[in-house]
C-alpha atoms as a PDB file:
ATOM      1  CA  MET A   1      -3.182  25.168  -3.464  1.00  0.00           C
ATOM      2  CA  ASN A   2       0.106  26.892  -4.255  1.00  0.00           C
ATOM      3  CA  LEU A   3       3.464  25.138  -4.037  1.00  0.00           C
ATOM      4  CA  HIS A   4       4.417  26.691  -0.686  1.00  0.00           C
ATOM      5  CA  THR A   5       1.192  25.571   1.004  1.00  0.00           C
ATOM      6  CA  PHE A   6       1.438  22.181  -0.675  1.00  0.00           C
ATOM      7  CA  MET A   7       4.897  21.571   0.775  1.00  0.00           C
ATOM      8  CA  HIS A   8       3.590  22.363   4.249  1.00  0.00           C
ATOM      9  CA  PHE A   9       0.811  19.863   3.629  1.00  0.00           C
ATOM     10  CA  CYS A  10       3.405  17.248   2.606  1.00  0.00           C
ATOM     11  CA  GLY A  11       5.410  17.979   5.736  1.00  0.00           C
ATOM     12  CA  ALA A  12       2.335  17.481   7.910  1.00  0.00           C
ATOM     13  CA  MET A  13       1.630  14.158   6.188  1.00  0.00           C
ATOM     14  CA  ALA A  14       5.196  13.002   6.885  1.00  0.00           C
ATOM     15  CA  ILE A  15       4.960  13.952  10.573  1.00  0.00           C
ATOM     16  CA  VAL A  16       1.634  12.164  11.026  1.00  0.00           C
ATOM     17  CA  ALA A  17       3.194   9.055   9.476  1.00  0.00           C
ATOM     18  CA  LEU A  18       5.896   9.143  12.154  1.00  0.00           C
ATOM     19  CA  PHE A  19       3.270   9.075  14.898  1.00  0.00           C
ATOM     20  CA  VAL A  20       1.457   6.244  13.109  1.00  0.00           C
ATOM     21  CA  PHE A  21       4.710   4.274  12.877  1.00  0.00           C
ATOM     22  CA  ILE A  22       5.338   4.602  16.617  1.00  0.00           C
ATOM     23  CA  ALA A  23       1.717   3.980  17.628  1.00  0.00           C
ATOM     24  CA  LEU A  24       1.410   0.771  15.607  1.00  0.00           C
ATOM     25  CA  TYR A  25       4.180  -0.832  17.644  1.00  0.00           C
ATOM     26  CA  PHE A  26       1.913  -0.481  20.666  1.00  0.00           C
ATOM     27  CA  VAL A  27      -1.587  -0.802  19.167  1.00  0.00           C
ATOM     28  CA  LYS A  28      -2.404  -3.503  16.615  1.00  0.00           C
ATOM     29  CA  ALA A  29      -4.614  -2.184  13.819  1.00  0.00           C
ATOM     30  CA  GLY A  30      -7.828  -4.122  14.316  1.00  0.00           C
ATOM     31  CA  TYR A  31      -8.407  -5.787  10.973  1.00  0.00           C
ATOM     32  CA  GLY A  32      -7.620  -9.263   9.695  1.00  0.00           C
ATOM     33  CA  ILE A  33      -6.198 -11.576  12.347  1.00  0.00           C
ATOM     34  CA  PHE A  34      -6.059  -8.712  14.870  1.00  0.00           C
ATOM     35  CA  ARG A  35      -9.713  -7.678  14.753  1.00  0.00           C
ATOM     36  CA  THR A  36     -11.357  -7.484  18.177  1.00  0.00           C
ATOM     37  CA  GLN A  37     -14.734  -6.311  19.419  1.00  0.00           C
ATOM     38  CA  SER A  38     -13.054  -3.294  21.027  1.00  0.00           C
ATOM     39  CA  TRP A  39     -12.774  -1.670  17.577  1.00  0.00           C
ATOM     40  CA  GLY A  40     -16.544  -1.340  17.455  1.00  0.00           C
ATOM     41  CA  LEU A  41     -19.024  -1.908  14.661  1.00  0.00           C
ATOM     42  CA  ALA A  42     -17.684  -3.889  11.696  1.00  0.00           C
ATOM     43  CA  ILE A  43     -18.934  -4.536   8.163  1.00  0.00           C
ATOM     44  CA  ASN A  44     -18.316  -7.157   5.500  1.00  0.00           C
ATOM     45  CA  ASN A  45     -14.633  -7.336   4.623  1.00  0.00           C
ATOM     46  CA  LYS A  46     -15.160  -7.225   0.855  1.00  0.00           C
ATOM     47  CA  LEU A  47     -17.387  -4.165   1.048  1.00  0.00           C
ATOM     48  CA  ALA A  48     -14.999  -2.453   3.460  1.00  0.00           C
ATOM     49  CA  TRP A  49     -12.023  -2.928   1.128  1.00  0.00           C
ATOM     50  CA  VAL A  50     -13.950  -1.465  -1.813  1.00  0.00           C
ATOM     51  CA  LEU A  51     -15.136   1.529   0.210  1.00  0.00           C
ATOM     52  CA  MET A  52     -11.655   2.094   1.629  1.00  0.00           C
ATOM     53  CA  GLU A  53      -9.599   1.816  -1.571  1.00  0.00           C
ATOM     54  CA  ALA A  54     -11.933   3.141  -4.283  1.00  0.00           C
ATOM     55  CA  PRO A  55     -11.832   6.812  -3.137  1.00  0.00           C
ATOM     56  CA  VAL A  56      -8.177   7.201  -4.121  1.00  0.00           C
ATOM     57  CA  PHE A  57      -8.905   5.722  -7.552  1.00  0.00           C
ATOM     58  CA  PHE A  58     -11.622   8.319  -8.165  1.00  0.00           C
ATOM     59  CA  THR A  59      -9.647  11.154  -6.555  1.00  0.00           C
ATOM     60  CA  MET A  60      -6.755  10.535  -8.935  1.00  0.00           C
ATOM     61  CA  LEU A  61      -9.154  10.174 -11.879  1.00  0.00           C
ATOM     62  CA  TYR A  62     -10.805  13.516 -11.094  1.00  0.00           C
ATOM     63  CA  LEU A  63      -7.475  15.336 -10.778  1.00  0.00           C
ATOM     64  CA  TRP A  64      -6.227  13.793 -14.023  1.00  0.00           C
ATOM     65  CA  ILE A  65      -9.343  14.639 -16.012  1.00  0.00           C
ATOM     66  CA  ASN A  66      -9.121  18.286 -14.979  1.00  0.00           C
ATOM     67  CA  SER A  67      -5.401  18.667 -15.697  1.00  0.00           C
ATOM     68  CA  GLU A  68      -4.054  20.275 -18.858  1.00  0.00           C
ATOM     69  CA  ARG A  69      -1.148  17.822 -18.640  1.00  0.00           C
ATOM     70  CA  ARG A  70      -3.297  14.700 -18.733  1.00  0.00           C
ATOM     71  CA  PHE A  71      -2.093  13.473 -22.129  1.00  0.00           C
ATOM     72  CA  SER A  72       1.582  14.270 -21.620  1.00  0.00           C
ATOM     73  CA  PRO A  73       3.257  10.846 -22.175  1.00  0.00           C
ATOM     74  CA  VAL A  74       5.166  10.678 -18.879  1.00  0.00           C
ATOM     75  CA  ILE A  75       2.244  12.016 -16.855  1.00  0.00           C
ATOM     76  CA  LEU A  76      -0.045   9.489 -18.522  1.00  0.00           C
ATOM     77  CA  ILE A  77       2.305   6.620 -17.620  1.00  0.00           C
ATOM     78  CA  PHE A  78       2.349   7.745 -13.986  1.00  0.00           C
ATOM     79  CA  PHE A  79      -1.439   7.960 -13.971  1.00  0.00           C
ATOM     80  CA  LEU A  80      -1.978   4.540 -15.560  1.00  0.00           C
ATOM     81  CA  LEU A  81       0.444   2.777 -13.187  1.00  0.00           C
ATOM     82  CA  PHE A  82      -1.138   4.369 -10.122  1.00  0.00           C
ATOM     83  CA  GLN A  83      -4.637   3.511 -11.348  1.00  0.00           C
ATOM     84  CA  LEU A  84      -3.593  -0.029 -12.235  1.00  0.00           C
ATOM     85  CA  HIS A  85      -2.652  -0.652  -8.614  1.00  0.00           C
ATOM     86  CA  TYR A  86      -5.816   0.873  -7.201  1.00  0.00           C
ATOM     87  CA  PHE A  87      -8.137  -0.730  -9.743  1.00  0.00           C
ATOM     88  CA  GLN A  88      -6.763  -4.099  -8.674  1.00  0.00           C
ATOM     89  CA  ARG A  89      -6.946  -3.135  -4.997  1.00  0.00           C
ATOM     90  CA  SER A  90     -10.439  -1.638  -5.188  1.00  0.00           C
ATOM     91  CA  PHE A  91     -12.325  -3.797  -7.667  1.00  0.00           C
ATOM     92  CA  ILE A  92     -10.478  -7.126  -7.960  1.00  0.00           C
ATOM     93  CA  PHE A  93      -8.678  -7.917  -4.679  1.00  0.00           C
ATOM     94  CA  PRO A  94     -11.765  -7.557  -2.418  1.00  0.00           C
ATOM     95  CA  PHE A  95     -13.789 -10.053  -4.434  1.00  0.00           C
ATOM     96  CA  LEU A  96     -11.015 -12.634  -4.288  1.00  0.00           C
ATOM     97  CA  LEU A  97     -11.114 -12.666  -0.488  1.00  0.00           C
ATOM     98  CA  LYS A  98     -12.453 -15.829   1.076  1.00  0.00           C
ATOM     99  CA  GLY A  99     -14.374 -16.363   4.261  1.00  0.00           C
ATOM    100  CA  LYS A 100     -16.778 -14.075   6.081  1.00  0.00           C
ATOM    101  CA  SER A 101     -14.367 -11.762   7.852  1.00  0.00           C
ATOM    102  CA  LYS A 102     -15.344  -8.251   8.853  1.00  0.00           C
ATOM    103  CA  MET A 103     -13.486  -4.943   9.107  1.00  0.00           C
ATOM    104  CA  PRO A 104     -14.211  -2.339  11.798  1.00  0.00           C
ATOM    105  CA  ILE A 105     -15.807   0.782  10.337  1.00  0.00           C
ATOM    106  CA  ALA A 106     -13.281   2.881  12.278  1.00  0.00           C
ATOM    107  CA  ILE A 107     -10.378   1.211  10.450  1.00  0.00           C
ATOM    108  CA  MET A 108     -12.137   1.597   7.117  1.00  0.00           C
ATOM    109  CA  LEU A 109     -12.767   5.307   7.690  1.00  0.00           C
ATOM    110  CA  MET A 110      -9.148   5.935   8.648  1.00  0.00           C
ATOM    111  CA  GLY A 111      -8.149   4.226   5.425  1.00  0.00           C
ATOM    112  CA  VAL A 112     -10.592   6.349   3.420  1.00  0.00           C
ATOM    113  CA  ILE A 113      -9.183   9.573   4.870  1.00  0.00           C
ATOM    114  CA  PHE A 114      -5.586   8.597   4.179  1.00  0.00           C
ATOM    115  CA  ASN A 115      -6.359   7.416   0.653  1.00  0.00           C
ATOM    116  CA  ILE A 116      -8.134  10.635  -0.301  1.00  0.00           C
ATOM    117  CA  LEU A 117      -5.335  12.781   1.151  1.00  0.00           C
ATOM    118  CA  ASN A 118      -2.666  10.677  -0.502  1.00  0.00           C
ATOM    119  CA  GLY A 119      -4.455  10.661  -3.851  1.00  0.00           C
ATOM    120  CA  TYR A 120      -4.694  14.429  -3.632  1.00  0.00           C
ATOM    121  CA  MET A 121      -1.010  14.709  -2.712  1.00  0.00           C
ATOM    122  CA  GLN A 122       0.190  12.541  -5.591  1.00  0.00           C
ATOM    123  CA  GLY A 123      -2.197  14.006  -8.168  1.00  0.00           C
ATOM    124  CA  GLN A 124      -1.725  17.630  -7.175  1.00  0.00           C
ATOM    125  CA  TRP A 125       2.035  17.299  -7.623  1.00  0.00           C
ATOM    126  CA  ILE A 126       2.054  15.304 -10.859  1.00  0.00           C
ATOM    127  CA  PHE A 127      -0.817  17.023 -12.658  1.00  0.00           C
ATOM    128  CA  TYR A 128      -0.514  20.616 -11.422  1.00  0.00           C
ATOM    129  CA  LEU A 129       2.492  21.647  -9.322  1.00  0.00           C
ATOM    130  CA  ALA A 130       5.509  19.805 -10.765  1.00  0.00           C
ATOM    131  CA  PRO A 131       7.646  22.151 -12.903  1.00  0.00           C
ATOM    132  CA  ASP A 132       6.508  22.234 -16.511  1.00  0.00           C
ATOM    133  CA  ASP A 133       9.935  21.109 -17.730  1.00  0.00           C
ATOM    134  CA  LEU A 134      10.286  18.186 -15.298  1.00  0.00           C
ATOM    135  CA  TYR A 135       8.164  15.319 -16.662  1.00  0.00           C
ATOM    136  CA  THR A 136       8.813  15.875 -20.350  1.00  0.00           C
ATOM    137  CA  LEU A 137       9.909  13.223 -22.854  1.00  0.00           C
ATOM    138  CA  HIS A 138      13.485  13.424 -21.557  1.00  0.00           C
ATOM    139  CA  TRP A 139      12.210  11.742 -18.351  1.00  0.00           C
ATOM    140  CA  LEU A 140      11.811   8.523 -20.350  1.00  0.00           C
ATOM    141  CA  VAL A 141      15.590   8.167 -20.667  1.00  0.00           C
ATOM    142  CA  LYS A 142      16.337   8.943 -17.024  1.00  0.00           C
ATOM    143  CA  PRO A 143      17.627   5.985 -14.955  1.00  0.00           C
ATOM    144  CA  GLN A 144      15.092   6.705 -12.205  1.00  0.00           C
ATOM    145  CA  PHE A 145      12.276   6.173 -14.710  1.00  0.00           C
ATOM    146  CA  TRP A 146      13.386   2.677 -15.662  1.00  0.00           C
ATOM    147  CA  ILE A 147      14.518   1.663 -12.175  1.00  0.00           C
ATOM    148  CA  GLY A 148      11.277   2.987 -10.712  1.00  0.00           C
ATOM    149  CA  ILE A 149       8.988   1.325 -13.230  1.00  0.00           C
ATOM    150  CA  CYS A 150      10.770  -2.031 -12.864  1.00  0.00           C
ATOM    151  CA  LEU A 151      10.507  -1.897  -9.068  1.00  0.00           C
ATOM    152  CA  PHE A 152       6.854  -0.852  -9.273  1.00  0.00           C
ATOM    153  CA  ILE A 153       5.942  -3.810 -11.488  1.00  0.00           C
ATOM    154  CA  LEU A 154       8.101  -6.215  -9.460  1.00  0.00           C
ATOM    155  CA  GLY A 155       6.573  -5.084  -6.177  1.00  0.00           C
ATOM    156  CA  MET A 156       3.018  -5.267  -7.476  1.00  0.00           C
ATOM    157  CA  SER A 157       3.674  -8.780  -8.819  1.00  0.00           C
ATOM    158  CA  ILE A 158       5.097  -9.931  -5.468  1.00  0.00           C
ATOM    159  CA  ASN A 159       2.152  -8.412  -3.632  1.00  0.00           C
ATOM    160  CA  ILE A 160      -0.485 -10.056  -5.835  1.00  0.00           C
ATOM    161  CA  TYR A 161       1.240 -13.456  -5.837  1.00  0.00           C
ATOM    162  CA  SER A 162       1.748 -13.368  -2.066  1.00  0.00           C
ATOM    163  CA  ASP A 163      -1.921 -12.541  -1.527  1.00  0.00           C
ATOM    164  CA  HIS A 164      -2.751 -15.503  -3.787  1.00  0.00           C
ATOM    165  CA  ILE A 165      -0.666 -17.803  -1.565  1.00  0.00           C
ATOM    166  CA  ILE A 166      -2.428 -16.599   1.571  1.00  0.00           C
ATOM    167  CA  ARG A 167      -5.882 -17.082   0.043  1.00  0.00           C
ATOM    168  CA  HIS A 168      -5.129 -20.690  -0.851  1.00  0.00           C
ATOM    169  CA  LEU A 169      -3.706 -21.873   2.466  1.00  0.00           C
ATOM    170  CA  ARG A 170      -7.021 -23.438   3.434  1.00  0.00           C
ATOM    171  CA  LYS A 171      -9.330 -25.835   1.691  1.00  0.00           C
ATOM    172  CA  PRO A 172     -13.065 -25.008   1.651  1.00  0.00           C
ATOM    173  CA  GLY A 173     -14.536 -25.466   5.109  1.00  0.00           C
ATOM    174  CA  ASP A 174     -11.154 -25.537   6.867  1.00  0.00           C
ATOM    175  CA  THR A 175     -10.742 -23.032   9.698  1.00  0.00           C
ATOM    176  CA  LYS A 176      -7.231 -23.923  10.886  1.00  0.00           C
ATOM    177  CA  HIS A 177      -4.322 -21.494  10.673  1.00  0.00           C
ATOM    178  CA  TYR A 178      -1.361 -22.360   8.451  1.00  0.00           C
ATOM    179  CA  LEU A 179       2.100 -20.906   8.050  1.00  0.00           C
ATOM    180  CA  PRO A 180       2.682 -19.901   4.397  1.00  0.00           C
ATOM    181  CA  ASN A 181       5.836 -21.456   2.935  1.00  0.00           C
ATOM    182  CA  LYS A 182       5.772 -20.588  -0.762  1.00  0.00           C
ATOM    183  CA  GLY A 183       7.358 -17.684  -2.614  1.00  0.00           C
ATOM    184  CA  LEU A 184       9.013 -15.065  -0.431  1.00  0.00           C
ATOM    185  CA  TYR A 185       7.152 -16.437   2.587  1.00  0.00           C
ATOM    186  CA  ARG A 186      10.104 -18.797   2.890  1.00  0.00           C
ATOM    187  CA  TYR A 187      12.110 -15.779   4.027  1.00  0.00           C
ATOM    188  CA  VAL A 188       9.599 -13.423   5.651  1.00  0.00           C
ATOM    189  CA  THR A 189       6.189 -13.706   7.285  1.00  0.00           C
ATOM    190  CA  SER A 190       4.793 -10.676   5.429  1.00  0.00           C
ATOM    191  CA  ALA A 191       5.811 -11.178   1.810  1.00  0.00           C
ATOM    192  CA  ASN A 192       2.710  -9.329   0.606  1.00  0.00           C
ATOM    193  CA  TYR A 193       3.792  -6.257   2.555  1.00  0.00           C
ATOM    194  CA  LEU A 194       7.325  -6.547   1.206  1.00  0.00           C
ATOM    195  CA  GLY A 195       5.870  -6.441  -2.306  1.00  0.00           C
ATOM    196  CA  GLU A 196       3.885  -3.320  -1.515  1.00  0.00           C
ATOM    197  CA  LEU A 197       6.946  -1.601  -0.055  1.00  0.00           C
ATOM    198  CA  ILE A 198       8.962  -2.387  -3.185  1.00  0.00           C
ATOM    199  CA  GLU A 199       6.097  -1.147  -5.340  1.00  0.00           C
ATOM    200  CA  TRP A 200       5.786   2.247  -3.680  1.00  0.00           C
ATOM    201  CA  GLY A 201       9.536   2.559  -3.346  1.00  0.00           C
ATOM    202  CA  GLY A 202       9.520   2.188  -7.117  1.00  0.00           C
ATOM    203  CA  TRP A 203       6.875   4.913  -7.333  1.00  0.00           C
ATOM    204  CA  ALA A 204       9.018   7.290  -5.267  1.00  0.00           C
ATOM    205  CA  ILE A 205      11.971   6.674  -7.603  1.00  0.00           C
ATOM    206  CA  LEU A 206       9.822   6.797 -10.741  1.00  0.00           C
ATOM    207  CA  THR A 207       8.344  10.208  -9.873  1.00  0.00           C
ATOM    208  CA  TRP A 208      11.503  11.379  -8.046  1.00  0.00           C
ATOM    209  CA  SER A 209       9.311  13.573  -5.878  1.00  0.00           C
ATOM    210  CA  ILE A 210       8.697  14.517  -2.268  1.00  0.00           C
ATOM    211  CA  PRO A 211       5.035  13.352  -2.450  1.00  0.00           C
ATOM    212  CA  GLY A 212       6.211  10.003  -3.824  1.00  0.00           C
ATOM    213  CA  LEU A 213       8.758   9.690  -1.014  1.00  0.00           C
ATOM    214  CA  ILE A 214       6.131  10.540   1.606  1.00  0.00           C
ATOM    215  CA  PHE A 215       3.821   7.877   0.191  1.00  0.00           C
ATOM    216  CA  PHE A 216       6.637   5.349   0.534  1.00  0.00           C
ATOM    217  CA  TRP A 217       7.251   6.555   4.101  1.00  0.00           C
ATOM    218  CA  TRP A 218       3.551   6.121   4.904  1.00  0.00           C
ATOM    219  CA  THR A 219       3.627   2.608   3.459  1.00  0.00           C
ATOM    220  CA  PHE A 220       6.682   1.809   5.581  1.00  0.00           C
ATOM    221  CA  ALA A 221       5.136   3.366   8.707  1.00  0.00           C
ATOM    222  CA  ASN A 222       1.946   1.336   8.310  1.00  0.00           C
ATOM    223  CA  LEU A 223       3.268  -2.033   7.161  1.00  0.00           C
ATOM    224  CA  VAL A 224       6.524  -2.558   9.049  1.00  0.00           C
ATOM    225  CA  PRO A 225       4.925  -2.429  12.546  1.00  0.00           C
ATOM    226  CA  ARG A 226       2.089  -4.663  11.327  1.00  0.00           C
ATOM    227  CA  ALA A 227       4.616  -7.114   9.900  1.00  0.00           C
ATOM    228  CA  ASN A 228       6.252  -7.166  13.322  1.00  0.00           C
ATOM    229  CA  ALA A 229       2.909  -7.955  14.985  1.00  0.00           C
ATOM    230  CA  ILE A 230       2.239 -10.751  12.495  1.00  0.00           C
ATOM    231  CA  TRP A 231       5.710 -12.219  13.057  1.00  0.00           C
ATOM    232  CA  HIS A 232       5.122 -12.372  16.811  1.00  0.00           C
ATOM    233  CA  ARG A 233       1.673 -13.900  16.282  1.00  0.00           C
ATOM    234  CA  TYR A 234       3.130 -16.587  14.013  1.00  0.00           C
ATOM    235  CA  ARG A 235       6.023 -17.259  16.378  1.00  0.00           C
ATOM    236  CA  ASP A 236       3.615 -17.831  19.259  1.00  0.00           C
ATOM    237  CA  GLU A 237       1.408 -20.074  17.137  1.00  0.00           C
ATOM    238  CA  PHE A 238       3.938 -22.039  15.065  1.00  0.00           C
ATOM    239  CA  GLY A 239       7.128 -21.941  17.160  1.00  0.00           C
ATOM    240  CA  VAL A 240      10.031 -23.819  15.575  1.00  0.00           C
ATOM    241  CA  GLN A 241       8.195 -24.066  12.236  1.00  0.00           C
ATOM    242  CA  MET A 242       9.085 -20.420  11.758  1.00  0.00           C
ATOM    243  CA  GLY A 243      12.729 -21.292  11.209  1.00  0.00           C
ATOM    244  CA  SER A 244      14.893 -18.231  10.574  1.00  0.00           C
ATOM    245  CA  ARG A 245      12.403 -16.255   8.518  1.00  0.00           C
ATOM    246  CA  LYS A 246      12.250 -12.549   9.233  1.00  0.00           C
ATOM    247  CA  ARG A 247       9.352 -10.111   9.479  1.00  0.00           C
ATOM    248  CA  ILE A 248       9.397  -8.205   6.192  1.00  0.00           C
ATOM    249  CA  PHE A 249      12.979  -7.730   4.924  1.00  0.00           C
ATOM    250  CA  PRO A 250      14.705 -11.048   4.054  1.00  0.00           C
ATOM    251  CA  PHE A 251      17.715 -11.832   6.272  1.00  0.00           C
ATOM    252  CA  ILE A 252      17.470  -8.414   7.961  1.00  0.00           C
ATOM    253  CA  TYR A 253      14.216  -7.732   9.854  1.00  0.00           C
END
């Protein structure tokens, strides 16, 4: 794919994300606490997460292996950070999940499609289409490199810790719902999503690229409406216990 065609592809991805953002304020994605029978056949949650997230890990790996830039220091850092996230998401996170929840196959397949397209978008830019003189050693002294990498690590840490809090709300055998109150859950009802937004915002700054920005926009378009749905669910269930906590951005929304 040449650069001109690639930019049209990026534009299409950005437009689709806009429709997703709008649609998710009207239709709750049917996984987790919002899963209903109307979403059709479902499979084991752990298996679904692996099948949904692993394709982007292998897509990025394939593009990296076949790139002449693969051992360029900056490119290698980008690759390792991206793969670190998706290794954790594909091969660690699913097996930490508790309970016997299921995910609709339709949701899983939509996730697979997005992940493959996004992996292609990120990898094609970084490994093949970015100007040869862009991600050279001088990138290591750019402010966007250090700001981006710090935000990426911060966001990933928040995301992992927030998921840990959620997993340990219940004792074995307990089926009640609880309002999380540790970490950033004191300020928002979707601290795990906040972490992921910070992480991919860091990626957009780190790579300083249109594909990176579109990935952040997709993350925003997917998670902000879902955070809104979760906030309303918690408000209906826990009422005054919610206090003044917001949906996903502390003190704002």
